[in-house]
Amino acid sequence: MNAVGSGRRAVGRWQVRTLLASVGGLGFVPFMPGTAASAAALAVGLSVRALGSVGEIIIAGLCLASTALGFTLTRWAETEGGSADPRWFVLDEAAGMWLAMLWATPGGIVGALAAFGLFRLLDIAKPPPVKQAERLGGPAGIMFDDLVAGAMANILVRLIWLWIGR
């Protein structure tokens, strides 16, 4: 088993890729690593939101950067992890979560928490079109299912806020 699959740390370029792909090592937590990475993305998003409109630009930048980096690292992660979508590769969850809370999700922290819950539910349950995105396979399948779940969560939170009249 290779170093990533066994959880051992390597040095140099390999370690940087592993830290990025696993969102600082959260991909290696033994229980629900995708949820751990999503929660970390939520915490970062809420923190930068305190900066006002600049915070929204930062969240958009984080979403774009993690998406681009995710597409770049997926083939390497598949090879290192020995599977089509290694459990420890959770950069896609961070990208999806930042998309879920992008553009000042209504309701402040409550809306952001709702976006988190809906994102995780959609990512785990994989209703259409999330399942269809996952079936694309390769980097597109790994990344797009989380991005579609994030976009759906964002839209659902907005619709819920409209419905409850806030």
Foldseek 3Di string as FASTA:
>chain_A
DFCVQVVHADDDPVNVLLCLQLVNVLLVDPPPSLLVLLVVLLVQLLVLCVVPPVSLVVLVVLLVVLLVSLLVNQVVCCVRNVHQARSSRNSLSSSLLSLLCHPNQPDRPVSSVQSSVQLVVCLVVVDPPLVVQLVVGHSRNNRVSSNVSSNVSNVVSVVVCVVVPD
